[in-house]
Amino acid sequence: MKNLSIFNIKGGVAKTTSTANFGACLSQNGKKVLLVDLDPQSNLTKLFKAYSMEDLSIADVLLNKNLDLHKVIKKTDFENIDILPANVNLAFAERKILLDVSRSQQNRLSKA
């Protein structure tokens, strides 16, 4: 298994488009692809018709370490492409994580 990450703080630099196209190319070459949408705008999730406010999303995964990831992953209409969807709840999850100083990732620098 190989991981490919596409990220940039700046908006409008084709992260979503590049991710969708890479995923499509890989799937057409017989690779199984899991797309992970980490954008609260959820454009990748919407592009693959997997958006829902009612269903579990990456936000639930980030906030609940006991959640079975397989319950969150959705099939898409494209062969070999699944998605770990986002929704607007990701924005709330980000805030909650940032404000939770009890989590180890929040205290790494203070222990240095």
PDB file of N, CA and C in Angstrom:
ATOM      1  N   MET A   1       0.842  -1.177   0.000  1.00  0.00           N
ATOM      2  CA  MET A   1       0.000   0.000   0.000  1.00  0.00           C
ATOM      3  C   MET A   1       0.886   1.239   0.000  1.00  0.00           C
ATOM      4  N   LYS A   2       0.525   2.186  -0.833  1.00  0.00           N
ATOM      5  CA  LYS A   2       1.243   3.457  -0.888  1.00  0.00           C
ATOM      6  C   LYS A   2       0.273   4.574  -0.555  1.00  0.00           C
ATOM      7  N   ASN A   3       0.798   5.606   0.077  1.00  0.00           N
ATOM      8  CA  ASN A   3       0.002   6.782   0.424  1.00  0.00           C
ATOM      9  C   ASN A   3       0.479   7.968  -0.387  1.00  0.00           C
ATOM     10  N   LEU A   4      -0.460   8.735  -0.890  1.00  0.00           N
ATOM     11  CA  LEU A   4      -0.160   9.960  -1.613  1.00  0.00           C
ATOM     12  C   LEU A   4      -0.996  11.058  -0.980  1.00  0.00           C
ATOM     13  N   SER A   5      -0.339  12.113  -0.544  1.00  0.00           N
ATOM     14  CA  SER A   5      -1.047  13.237   0.075  1.00  0.00           C
ATOM     15  C   SER A   5      -0.883  14.472  -0.788  1.00  0.00           C
ATOM     16  N   ILE A   6      -1.970  15.183  -0.948  1.00  0.00           N
ATOM     17  CA  ILE A   6      -1.947  16.454  -1.666  1.00  0.00           C
ATOM     18  C   ILE A   6      -2.483  17.496  -0.695  1.00  0.00           C
ATOM     19  N   PHE A   7      -1.621  18.438  -0.319  1.00  0.00           N
ATOM     20  CA  PHE A   7      -2.068  19.455   0.629  1.00  0.00           C
ATOM     21  C   PHE A   7      -1.357  20.769   0.359  1.00  0.00           C
ATOM     22  N   ASN A   8      -2.022  21.834   0.728  1.00  0.00           N
ATOM     23  CA  ASN A   8      -1.502  23.182   0.608  1.00  0.00           C
ATOM     24  C   ASN A   8      -2.452  24.063   1.407  1.00  0.00           C
ATOM     25  N   ILE A   9      -1.931  24.973   2.165  1.00  0.00           N
ATOM     26  CA  ILE A   9      -2.783  25.845   2.967  1.00  0.00           C
ATOM     27  C   ILE A   9      -3.592  26.788   2.081  1.00  0.00           C
ATOM     28  N   LYS A  10      -3.001  27.222   0.993  1.00  0.00           N
ATOM     29  CA  LYS A  10      -3.663  28.169   0.107  1.00  0.00           C
ATOM     30  C   LYS A  10      -4.832  27.506  -0.621  1.00  0.00           C
ATOM     31  N   GLY A  11      -5.910  28.211  -0.740  1.00  0.00           N
ATOM     32  CA  GLY A  11      -7.057  27.709  -1.495  1.00  0.00           C
ATOM     33  C   GLY A  11      -6.900  27.982  -2.978  1.00  0.00           C
ATOM     34  N   GLY A  12      -7.650  27.274  -3.781  1.00  0.00           N
ATOM     35  CA  GLY A  12      -7.684  27.524  -5.215  1.00  0.00           C
ATOM     36  C   GLY A  12      -6.461  27.078  -5.978  1.00  0.00           C
ATOM     37  N   VAL A  13      -5.748  26.082  -5.461  1.00  0.00           N
ATOM     38  CA  VAL A  13      -4.540  25.611  -6.153  1.00  0.00           C
ATOM     39  C   VAL A  13      -4.734  24.215  -6.750  1.00  0.00           C
ATOM     40  N   ALA A  14      -5.975  23.795  -6.902  1.00  0.00           N
ATOM     41  CA  ALA A  14      -6.351  22.538  -7.571  1.00  0.00           C
ATOM     42  C   ALA A  14      -6.070  21.283  -6.751  1.00  0.00           C
ATOM     43  N   LYS A  15      -6.133  21.396  -5.432  1.00  0.00           N
ATOM     44  CA  LYS A  15      -5.939  20.202  -4.595  1.00  0.00           C
ATOM     45  C   LYS A  15      -7.039  19.174  -4.843  1.00  0.00           C
ATOM     46  N   THR A  16      -8.274  19.610  -4.825  1.00  0.00           N
ATOM     47  CA  THR A  16      -9.397  18.693  -5.022  1.00  0.00           C
ATOM     48  C   THR A  16      -9.380  18.106  -6.422  1.00  0.00           C
ATOM     49  N   THR A  17      -9.170  18.939  -7.415  1.00  0.00           N
ATOM     50  CA  THR A  17      -9.121  18.472  -8.801  1.00  0.00           C
ATOM     51  C   THR A  17      -7.989  17.484  -9.008  1.00  0.00           C
ATOM     52  N   SER A  18      -6.827  17.794  -8.472  1.00  0.00           N
ATOM     53  CA  SER A  18      -5.676  16.889  -8.606  1.00  0.00           C
ATOM     54  C   SER A  18      -5.939  15.563  -7.913  1.00  0.00           C
ATOM     55  N   THR A  19      -6.522  15.619  -6.725  1.00  0.00           N
ATOM     56  CA  THR A  19      -6.825  14.401  -5.980  1.00  0.00           C
ATOM     57  C   THR A  19      -7.806  13.523  -6.750  1.00  0.00           C
ATOM     58  N   ALA A  20      -8.860  14.124  -7.262  1.00  0.00           N
ATOM     59  CA  ALA A  20      -9.854  13.365  -8.028  1.00  0.00           C
ATOM     60  C   ALA A  20      -9.226  12.751  -9.275  1.00  0.00           C
ATOM     61  N   ASN A  21      -8.398  13.514  -9.969  1.00  0.00           N
ATOM     62  CA  ASN A  21      -7.773  13.006 -11.195  1.00  0.00           C
ATOM     63  C   ASN A  21      -6.750  11.914 -10.911  1.00  0.00           C
ATOM     64  N   PHE A  22      -5.936  12.092  -9.875  1.00  0.00           N
ATOM     65  CA  PHE A  22      -4.993  11.031  -9.496  1.00  0.00           C
ATOM     66  C   PHE A  22      -5.751   9.757  -9.140  1.00  0.00           C
ATOM     67  N   GLY A  23      -6.795   9.910  -8.352  1.00  0.00           N
ATOM     68  CA  GLY A  23      -7.599   8.755  -7.961  1.00  0.00           C
ATOM     69  C   GLY A  23      -8.197   8.044  -9.158  1.00  0.00           C
ATOM     70  N   ALA A  24      -8.721   8.810 -10.102  1.00  0.00           N
ATOM     71  CA  ALA A  24      -9.313   8.220 -11.307  1.00  0.00           C
ATOM     72  C   ALA A  24      -8.264   7.485 -12.134  1.00  0.00           C
ATOM     73  N   CYS A  25      -7.104   8.099 -12.304  1.00  0.00           N
ATOM     74  CA  CYS A  25      -6.026   7.454 -13.077  1.00  0.00           C
ATOM     75  C   CYS A  25      -5.571   6.159 -12.414  1.00  0.00           C
ATOM     76  N   LEU A  26      -5.389   6.189 -11.118  1.00  0.00           N
ATOM     77  CA  LEU A  26      -4.959   4.987 -10.403  1.00  0.00           C
ATOM     78  C   LEU A  26      -6.004   3.883 -10.505  1.00  0.00           C
ATOM     79  N   SER A  27      -7.271   4.252 -10.359  1.00  0.00           N
ATOM     80  CA  SER A  27      -8.328   3.239 -10.416  1.00  0.00           C
ATOM     81  C   SER A  27      -8.445   2.637 -11.816  1.00  0.00           C
ATOM     82  N   GLN A  28      -8.231   3.446 -12.842  1.00  0.00           N
ATOM     83  CA  GLN A  28      -8.279   2.939 -14.216  1.00  0.00           C
ATOM     84  C   GLN A  28      -7.128   1.988 -14.511  1.00  0.00           C
ATOM     85  N   ASN A  29      -6.081   2.075 -13.712  1.00  0.00           N
ATOM     86  CA  ASN A  29      -4.949   1.157 -13.848  1.00  0.00           C
ATOM     87  C   ASN A  29      -5.059  -0.017 -12.874  1.00  0.00           C
ATOM     88  N   GLY A  30      -6.258  -0.243 -12.360  1.00  0.00           N
ATOM     89  CA  GLY A  30      -6.516  -1.405 -11.528  1.00  0.00           C
ATOM     90  C   GLY A  30      -6.171  -1.263 -10.060  1.00  0.00           C
ATOM     91  N   LYS A  31      -5.778  -0.084  -9.632  1.00  0.00           N
ATOM     92  CA  LYS A  31      -5.435   0.136  -8.223  1.00  0.00           C
ATOM     93  C   LYS A  31      -6.704   0.443  -7.432  1.00  0.00           C
ATOM     94  N   LYS A  32      -6.745  -0.040  -6.208  1.00  0.00           N
ATOM     95  CA  LYS A  32      -7.833   0.323  -5.306  1.00  0.00           C
ATOM     96  C   LYS A  32      -7.449   1.631  -4.633  1.00  0.00           C
ATOM     97  N   VAL A  33      -8.371   2.572  -4.619  1.00  0.00           N
ATOM     98  CA  VAL A  33      -8.087   3.923  -4.146  1.00  0.00           C
ATOM     99  C   VAL A  33      -9.055   4.290  -3.024  1.00  0.00           C
ATOM    100  N   LEU A  34      -8.496   4.809  -1.945  1.00  0.00           N
ATOM    101  CA  LEU A  34      -9.305   5.393  -0.879  1.00  0.00           C
ATOM    102  C   LEU A  34      -8.984   6.880  -0.838  1.00  0.00           C
ATOM    103  N   LEU A  35      -9.959   7.700  -1.182  1.00  0.00           N
ATOM    104  CA  LEU A  35      -9.807   9.147  -1.107  1.00  0.00           C
ATOM    105  C   LEU A  35     -10.234   9.592   0.285  1.00  0.00           C
ATOM    106  N   VAL A  36      -9.453  10.473   0.893  1.00  0.00           N
ATOM    107  CA  VAL A  36      -9.770  10.997   2.221  1.00  0.00           C
ATOM    108  C   VAL A  36      -9.958  12.503   2.084  1.00  0.00           C
ATOM    109  N   ASP A  37     -11.169  12.960   2.319  1.00  0.00           N
ATOM    110  CA  ASP A  37     -11.485  14.381   2.196  1.00  0.00           C
ATOM    111  C   ASP A  37     -11.305  15.045   3.557  1.00  0.00           C
ATOM    112  N   LEU A  38     -10.309  15.915   3.659  1.00  0.00           N
ATOM    113  CA  LEU A  38     -10.036  16.629   4.908  1.00  0.00           C
ATOM    114  C   LEU A  38     -10.339  18.119   4.788  1.00  0.00           C
ATOM    115  N   ASP A  39     -11.283  18.459   3.933  1.00  0.00           N
ATOM    116  CA  ASP A  39     -11.671  19.846   3.724  1.00  0.00           C
ATOM    117  C   ASP A  39     -13.122  20.027   4.177  1.00  0.00           C
ATOM    118  N   PRO A  40     -13.377  20.936   5.121  1.00  0.00           N
ATOM    119  CA  PRO A  40     -14.751  21.152   5.579  1.00  0.00           C
ATOM    120  C   PRO A  40     -15.713  21.572   4.462  1.00  0.00           C
ATOM    121  N   GLN A  41     -15.194  22.110   3.365  1.00  0.00           N
ATOM    122  CA  GLN A  41     -16.058  22.457   2.239  1.00  0.00           C
ATOM    123  C   GLN A  41     -16.561  21.211   1.520  1.00  0.00           C
ATOM    124  N   SER A  42     -15.862  20.096   1.700  1.00  0.00           N
ATOM    125  CA  SER A  42     -16.304  18.773   1.238  1.00  0.00           C
ATOM    126  C   SER A  42     -16.463  18.652  -0.272  1.00  0.00           C
ATOM    127  N   ASN A  43     -15.717  19.420  -1.035  1.00  0.00           N
ATOM    128  CA  ASN A  43     -15.889  19.377  -2.485  1.00  0.00           C
ATOM    129  C   ASN A  43     -15.528  18.027  -3.095  1.00  0.00           C
ATOM    130  N   LEU A  44     -14.508  17.358  -2.564  1.00  0.00           N
ATOM    131  CA  LEU A  44     -14.156  16.035  -3.077  1.00  0.00           C
ATOM    132  C   LEU A  44     -15.291  15.050  -2.787  1.00  0.00           C
ATOM    133  N   THR A  45     -15.830  15.110  -1.595  1.00  0.00           N
ATOM    134  CA  THR A  45     -16.957  14.256  -1.218  1.00  0.00           C
ATOM    135  C   THR A  45     -18.157  14.524  -2.116  1.00  0.00           C
ATOM    136  N   LYS A  46     -18.449  15.787  -2.364  1.00  0.00           N
ATOM    137  CA  LYS A  46     -19.575  16.145  -3.226  1.00  0.00           C
ATOM    138  C   LYS A  46     -19.332  15.696  -4.662  1.00  0.00           C
ATOM    139  N   LEU A  47     -18.101  15.833  -5.127  1.00  0.00           N
ATOM    140  CA  LEU A  47     -17.756  15.421  -6.489  1.00  0.00           C
ATOM    141  C   LEU A  47     -18.041  13.934  -6.704  1.00  0.00           C
ATOM    142  N   PHE A  48     -17.796  13.134  -5.672  1.00  0.00           N
ATOM    143  CA  PHE A  48     -18.023  11.693  -5.770  1.00  0.00           C
ATOM    144  C   PHE A  48     -19.394  11.286  -5.216  1.00  0.00           C
ATOM    145  N   LYS A  49     -20.289  12.275  -5.076  1.00  0.00           N
ATOM    146  CA  LYS A  49     -21.685  12.058  -4.680  1.00  0.00           C
ATOM    147  C   LYS A  49     -21.818  11.279  -3.376  1.00  0.00           C
ATOM    148  N   ALA A  50     -20.994  11.623  -2.403  1.00  0.00           N
ATOM    149  CA  ALA A  50     -21.005  10.916  -1.124  1.00  0.00           C
ATOM    150  C   ALA A  50     -21.330  11.846   0.043  1.00  0.00           C
ATOM    151  N   TYR A  51     -21.785  13.063  -0.247  1.00  0.00           N
ATOM    152  CA  TYR A  51     -22.025  14.042   0.816  1.00  0.00           C
ATOM    153  C   TYR A  51     -23.314  13.734   1.569  1.00  0.00           C
ATOM    154  N   SER A  52     -23.228  13.808   2.886  1.00  0.00           N
ATOM    155  CA  SER A  52     -24.406  13.655   3.736  1.00  0.00           C
ATOM    156  C   SER A  52     -24.110  14.286   5.090  1.00  0.00           C
ATOM    157  N   MET A  53     -25.056  15.018   5.596  1.00  0.00           N
ATOM    158  CA  MET A  53     -24.922  15.568   6.944  1.00  0.00           C
ATOM    159  C   MET A  53     -25.308  14.532   7.996  1.00  0.00           C
ATOM    160  N   GLU A  54     -26.091  13.539   7.601  1.00  0.00           N
ATOM    161  CA  GLU A  54     -26.578  12.544   8.553  1.00  0.00           C
ATOM    162  C   GLU A  54     -25.597  11.391   8.757  1.00  0.00           C
ATOM    163  N   ASP A  55     -24.845  11.039   7.722  1.00  0.00           N
ATOM    164  CA  ASP A  55     -23.933   9.897   7.808  1.00  0.00           C
ATOM    165  C   ASP A  55     -22.654  10.267   8.551  1.00  0.00           C
ATOM    166  N   LEU A  56     -21.941   9.249   8.993  1.00  0.00           N
ATOM    167  CA  LEU A  56     -20.640   9.460   9.620  1.00  0.00           C
ATOM    168  C   LEU A  56     -19.663  10.052   8.613  1.00  0.00           C
ATOM    169  N   SER A  57     -18.678  10.798   9.125  1.00  0.00           N
ATOM    170  CA  SER A  57     -17.685  11.429   8.256  1.00  0.00           C
ATOM    171  C   SER A  57     -16.313  11.380   8.923  1.00  0.00           C
ATOM    172  N   ILE A  58     -15.322  11.931   8.249  1.00  0.00           N
ATOM    173  CA  ILE A  58     -13.962  11.998   8.788  1.00  0.00           C
ATOM    174  C   ILE A  58     -13.958  12.734  10.129  1.00  0.00           C
ATOM    175  N   ALA A  59     -14.879  13.664  10.328  1.00  0.00           N
ATOM    176  CA  ALA A  59     -14.964  14.377  11.609  1.00  0.00           C
ATOM    177  C   ALA A  59     -15.224  13.402  12.750  1.00  0.00           C
ATOM    178  N   ASP A  60     -16.093  12.443  12.517  1.00  0.00           N
ATOM    179  CA  ASP A  60     -16.390  11.442  13.544  1.00  0.00           C
ATOM    180  C   ASP A  60     -15.175  10.571  13.830  1.00  0.00           C
ATOM    181  N   VAL A  61     -14.415  10.271  12.796  1.00  0.00           N
ATOM    182  CA  VAL A  61     -13.198   9.469  12.956  1.00  0.00           C
ATOM    183  C   VAL A  61     -12.183  10.220  13.814  1.00  0.00           C
ATOM    184  N   LEU A  62     -12.020  11.507  13.559  1.00  0.00           N
ATOM    185  CA  LEU A  62     -11.048  12.305  14.300  1.00  0.00           C
ATOM    186  C   LEU A  62     -11.428  12.475  15.766  1.00  0.00           C
ATOM    187  N   LEU A  63     -12.708  12.483  16.050  1.00  0.00           N
ATOM    188  CA  LEU A  63     -13.167  12.717  17.417  1.00  0.00           C
ATOM    189  C   LEU A  63     -13.389  11.441  18.224  1.00  0.00           C
ATOM    190  N   ASN A  64     -13.460  10.307  17.556  1.00  0.00           N
ATOM    191  CA  ASN A  64     -13.751   9.052  18.251  1.00  0.00           C
ATOM    192  C   ASN A  64     -12.757   7.981  17.825  1.00  0.00           C
ATOM    193  N   LYS A  65     -11.732   7.760  18.624  1.00  0.00           N
ATOM    194  CA  LYS A  65     -10.683   6.809  18.260  1.00  0.00           C
ATOM    195  C   LYS A  65     -11.183   5.369  18.226  1.00  0.00           C
ATOM    196  N   ASN A  66     -12.335   5.101  18.816  1.00  0.00           N
ATOM    197  CA  ASN A  66     -12.885   3.744  18.826  1.00  0.00           C
ATOM    198  C   ASN A  66     -13.810   3.456  17.648  1.00  0.00           C
ATOM    199  N   LEU A  67     -14.051   4.458  16.818  1.00  0.00           N
ATOM    200  CA  LEU A  67     -14.948   4.287  15.679  1.00  0.00           C
ATOM    201  C   LEU A  67     -14.298   3.404  14.618  1.00  0.00           C
ATOM    202  N   ASP A  68     -15.029   2.418  14.141  1.00  0.00           N
ATOM    203  CA  ASP A  68     -14.542   1.537  13.083  1.00  0.00           C
ATOM    204  C   ASP A  68     -14.548   2.305  11.762  1.00  0.00           C
ATOM    205  N   LEU A  69     -13.377   2.499  11.214  1.00  0.00           N
ATOM    206  CA  LEU A  69     -13.215   3.264   9.977  1.00  0.00           C
ATOM    207  C   LEU A  69     -14.068   2.704   8.843  1.00  0.00           C
ATOM    208  N   HIS A  70     -14.249   1.406   8.808  1.00  0.00           N
ATOM    209  CA  HIS A  70     -15.024   0.780   7.734  1.00  0.00           C
ATOM    210  C   HIS A  70     -16.494   1.195   7.754  1.00  0.00           C
ATOM    211  N   LYS A  71     -16.971   1.689   8.892  1.00  0.00           N
ATOM    212  CA  LYS A  71     -18.348   2.170   8.979  1.00  0.00           C
ATOM    213  C   LYS A  71     -18.504   3.546   8.342  1.00  0.00           C
ATOM    214  N   VAL A  72     -17.398   4.207   8.102  1.00  0.00           N
ATOM    215  CA  VAL A  72     -17.427   5.574   7.583  1.00  0.00           C
ATOM    216  C   VAL A  72     -17.124   5.610   6.081  1.00  0.00           C
ATOM    217  N   ILE A  73     -16.282   4.711   5.621  1.00  0.00           N
ATOM    218  CA  ILE A  73     -15.887   4.678   4.207  1.00  0.00           C
ATOM    219  C   ILE A  73     -17.103   4.377   3.341  1.00  0.00           C
ATOM    220  N   LYS A  74     -17.235   5.142   2.244  1.00  0.00           N
ATOM    221  CA  LYS A  74     -18.355   4.956   1.319  1.00  0.00           C
ATOM    222  C   LYS A  74     -17.844   4.510  -0.046  1.00  0.00           C
ATOM    223  N   LYS A  75     -18.618   3.661  -0.679  1.00  0.00           N
ATOM    224  CA  LYS A  75     -18.360   3.286  -2.066  1.00  0.00           C
ATOM    225  C   LYS A  75     -18.755   4.472  -2.943  1.00  0.00           C
ATOM    226  N   THR A  76     -18.089   4.602  -4.077  1.00  0.00           N
ATOM    227  CA  THR A  76     -18.479   5.625  -5.052  1.00  0.00           C
ATOM    228  C   THR A  76     -19.033   4.918  -6.283  1.00  0.00           C
ATOM    229  N   ASP A  77     -19.478   5.703  -7.244  1.00  0.00           N
ATOM    230  CA  ASP A  77     -19.975   5.144  -8.502  1.00  0.00           C
ATOM    231  C   ASP A  77     -18.845   4.673  -9.406  1.00  0.00           C
ATOM    232  N   PHE A  78     -17.610   4.887  -8.972  1.00  0.00           N
ATOM    233  CA  PHE A  78     -16.449   4.554  -9.797  1.00  0.00           C
ATOM    234  C   PHE A  78     -15.780   3.287  -9.274  1.00  0.00           C
ATOM    235  N   GLU A  79     -15.486   2.386 -10.186  1.00  0.00           N
ATOM    236  CA  GLU A  79     -14.843   1.131  -9.809  1.00  0.00           C
ATOM    237  C   GLU A  79     -13.500   1.403  -9.140  1.00  0.00           C
ATOM    238  N   ASN A  80     -13.247   0.719  -8.044  1.00  0.00           N
ATOM    239  CA  ASN A  80     -11.988   0.792  -7.291  1.00  0.00           C
ATOM    240  C   ASN A  80     -11.794   2.080  -6.501  1.00  0.00           C
ATOM    241  N   ILE A  81     -12.793   2.953  -6.442  1.00  0.00           N
ATOM    242  CA  ILE A  81     -12.636   4.196  -5.676  1.00  0.00           C
ATOM    243  C   ILE A  81     -13.648   4.232  -4.538  1.00  0.00           C
ATOM    244  N   ASP A  82     -13.126   4.310  -3.312  1.00  0.00           N
ATOM    245  CA  ASP A  82     -13.934   4.546  -2.119  1.00  0.00           C
ATOM    246  C   ASP A  82     -13.509   5.897  -1.550  1.00  0.00           C
ATOM    247  N   ILE A  83     -14.339   6.436  -0.671  1.00  0.00           N
ATOM    248  CA  ILE A  83     -14.018   7.740  -0.091  1.00  0.00           C
ATOM    249  C   ILE A  83     -14.329   7.754   1.401  1.00  0.00           C
ATOM    250  N   LEU A  84     -13.460   8.400   2.129  1.00  0.00           N
ATOM    251  CA  LEU A  84     -13.698   8.721   3.534  1.00  0.00           C
ATOM    252  C   LEU A  84     -14.219  10.158   3.504  1.00  0.00           C
ATOM    253  N   PRO A  85     -15.534  10.333   3.592  1.00  0.00           N
ATOM    254  CA  PRO A  85     -16.136  11.626   3.289  1.00  0.00           C
ATOM    255  C   PRO A  85     -15.966  12.669   4.389  1.00  0.00           C
ATOM    256  N   ALA A  86     -16.099  13.902   3.963  1.00  0.00           N
ATOM    257  CA  ALA A  86     -16.122  15.045   4.879  1.00  0.00           C
ATOM    258  C   ALA A  86     -17.506  15.673   4.809  1.00  0.00           C
ATOM    259  N   ASN A  87     -17.802  16.477   5.800  1.00  0.00           N
ATOM    260  CA  ASN A  87     -18.955  17.370   5.756  1.00  0.00           C
ATOM    261  C   ASN A  87     -18.624  18.569   6.639  1.00  0.00           C
ATOM    262  N   VAL A  88     -19.558  19.461   6.794  1.00  0.00           N
ATOM    263  CA  VAL A  88     -19.290  20.696   7.528  1.00  0.00           C
ATOM    264  C   VAL A  88     -18.907  20.420   8.986  1.00  0.00           C
ATOM    265  N   ASN A  89     -19.246  19.255   9.506  1.00  0.00           N
ATOM    266  CA  ASN A  89     -18.874  18.914  10.883  1.00  0.00           C
ATOM    267  C   ASN A  89     -17.366  18.871  11.079  1.00  0.00           C
ATOM    268  N   LEU A  90     -16.619  18.761   9.999  1.00  0.00           N
ATOM    269  CA  LEU A  90     -15.162  18.760  10.105  1.00  0.00           C
ATOM    270  C   LEU A  90     -14.653  20.080  10.686  1.00  0.00           C
ATOM    271  N   ALA A  91     -15.293  21.178  10.360  1.00  0.00           N
ATOM    272  CA  ALA A  91     -14.888  22.478  10.915  1.00  0.00           C
ATOM    273  C   ALA A  91     -15.052  22.483  12.434  1.00  0.00           C
ATOM    274  N   PHE A  92     -16.125  21.904  12.923  1.00  0.00           N
ATOM    275  CA  PHE A  92     -16.351  21.828  14.368  1.00  0.00           C
ATOM    276  C   PHE A  92     -15.355  20.873  15.017  1.00  0.00           C
ATOM    277  N   ALA A  93     -15.040  19.782  14.337  1.00  0.00           N
ATOM    278  CA  ALA A  93     -14.069  18.818  14.869  1.00  0.00           C
ATOM    279  C   ALA A  93     -12.694  19.464  14.985  1.00  0.00           C
ATOM    280  N   GLU A  94     -12.311  20.240  13.981  1.00  0.00           N
ATOM    281  CA  GLU A  94     -11.011  20.925  14.016  1.00  0.00           C
ATOM    282  C   GLU A  94     -10.927  21.834  15.235  1.00  0.00           C
ATOM    283  N   ARG A  95     -11.969  22.600  15.473  1.00  0.00           N
ATOM    284  CA  ARG A  95     -11.983  23.510  16.626  1.00  0.00           C
ATOM    285  C   ARG A  95     -11.902  22.727  17.936  1.00  0.00           C
ATOM    286  N   LYS A  96     -12.662  21.656  18.014  1.00  0.00           N
ATOM    287  CA  LYS A  96     -12.672  20.858  19.241  1.00  0.00           C
ATOM    288  C   LYS A  96     -11.291  20.268  19.510  1.00  0.00           C
ATOM    289  N   ILE A  97     -10.635  19.773  18.475  1.00  0.00           N
ATOM    290  CA  ILE A  97      -9.294  19.201  18.632  1.00  0.00           C
ATOM    291  C   ILE A  97      -8.305  20.279  19.062  1.00  0.00           C
ATOM    292  N   LEU A  98      -8.381  21.443  18.437  1.00  0.00           N
ATOM    293  CA  LEU A  98      -7.463  22.529  18.786  1.00  0.00           C
ATOM    294  C   LEU A  98      -7.644  23.004  20.221  1.00  0.00           C
ATOM    295  N   LEU A  99      -8.864  22.971  20.701  1.00  0.00           N
ATOM    296  CA  LEU A  99      -9.142  23.437  22.062  1.00  0.00           C
ATOM    297  C   LEU A  99      -8.915  22.364  23.121  1.00  0.00           C
ATOM    298  N   ASP A 100      -8.748  21.129  22.708  1.00  0.00           N
ATOM    299  CA  ASP A 100      -8.561  20.026  23.651  1.00  0.00           C
ATOM    300  C   ASP A 100      -7.082  19.882  23.979  1.00  0.00           C
ATOM    301  N   VAL A 101      -6.633  20.556  25.030  1.00  0.00           N
ATOM    302  CA  VAL A 101      -5.214  20.530  25.397  1.00  0.00           C
ATOM    303  C   VAL A 101      -4.807  19.227  26.066  1.00  0.00           C
ATOM    304  N   SER A 102      -5.759  18.352  26.349  1.00  0.00           N
ATOM    305  CA  SER A 102      -5.415  17.064  26.962  1.00  0.00           C
ATOM    306  C   SER A 102      -4.892  16.063  25.937  1.00  0.00           C
ATOM    307  N   ARG A 103      -5.097  16.339  24.665  1.00  0.00           N
ATOM    308  CA  ARG A 103      -4.636  15.418  23.620  1.00  0.00           C
ATOM    309  C   ARG A 103      -3.137  15.580  23.429  1.00  0.00           C
ATOM    310  N   SER A 104      -2.448  14.468  23.275  1.00  0.00           N
ATOM    311  CA  SER A 104      -0.986  14.484  23.220  1.00  0.00           C
ATOM    312  C   SER A 104      -0.432  15.362  22.103  1.00  0.00           C
ATOM    313  N   GLN A 105      -1.100  15.420  20.948  1.00  0.00           N
ATOM    314  CA  GLN A 105      -0.565  16.236  19.857  1.00  0.00           C
ATOM    315  C   GLN A 105      -0.576  17.723  20.195  1.00  0.00           C
ATOM    316  N   GLN A 106      -1.397  18.106  21.169  1.00  0.00           N
ATOM    317  CA  GLN A 106      -1.447  19.505  21.561  1.00  0.00           C
ATOM    318  C   GLN A 106      -0.313  19.878  22.505  1.00  0.00           C
ATOM    319  N   ASN A 107       0.326  18.890  23.127  1.00  0.00           N
ATOM    320  CA  ASN A 107       1.334  19.162  24.148  1.00  0.00           C
ATOM    321  C   ASN A 107       2.758  18.808  23.737  1.00  0.00           C
ATOM    322  N   ARG A 108       2.985  18.418  22.523  1.00  0.00           N
ATOM    323  CA  ARG A 108       4.318  17.980  22.114  1.00  0.00           C
ATOM    324  C   ARG A 108       5.381  19.048  22.336  1.00  0.00           C
ATOM    325  N   LEU A 109       5.117  20.267  21.916  1.00  0.00           N
ATOM    326  CA  LEU A 109       6.125  21.322  22.045  1.00  0.00           C
ATOM    327  C   LEU A 109       6.323  21.739  23.496  1.00  0.00           C
ATOM    328  N   SER A 110       5.289  21.667  24.312  1.00  0.00           N
ATOM    329  CA  SER A 110       5.442  22.074  25.710  1.00  0.00           C
ATOM    330  C   SER A 110       6.332  21.118  26.494  1.00  0.00           C
ATOM    331  N   LYS A 111       6.513  19.893  26.011  1.00  0.00           N
ATOM    332  CA  LYS A 111       7.366  18.915  26.684  1.00  0.00           C
ATOM    333  C   LYS A 111       8.803  18.947  26.175  1.00  0.00           C
ATOM    334  N   ALA A 112       9.058  19.738  25.154  1.00  0.00           N
ATOM    335  CA  ALA A 112      10.410  19.783  24.562  1.00  0.00           C
ATOM    336  C   ALA A 112      11.376  20.541  25.452  1.00  0.00           C
TER     337      ALA A 112
END
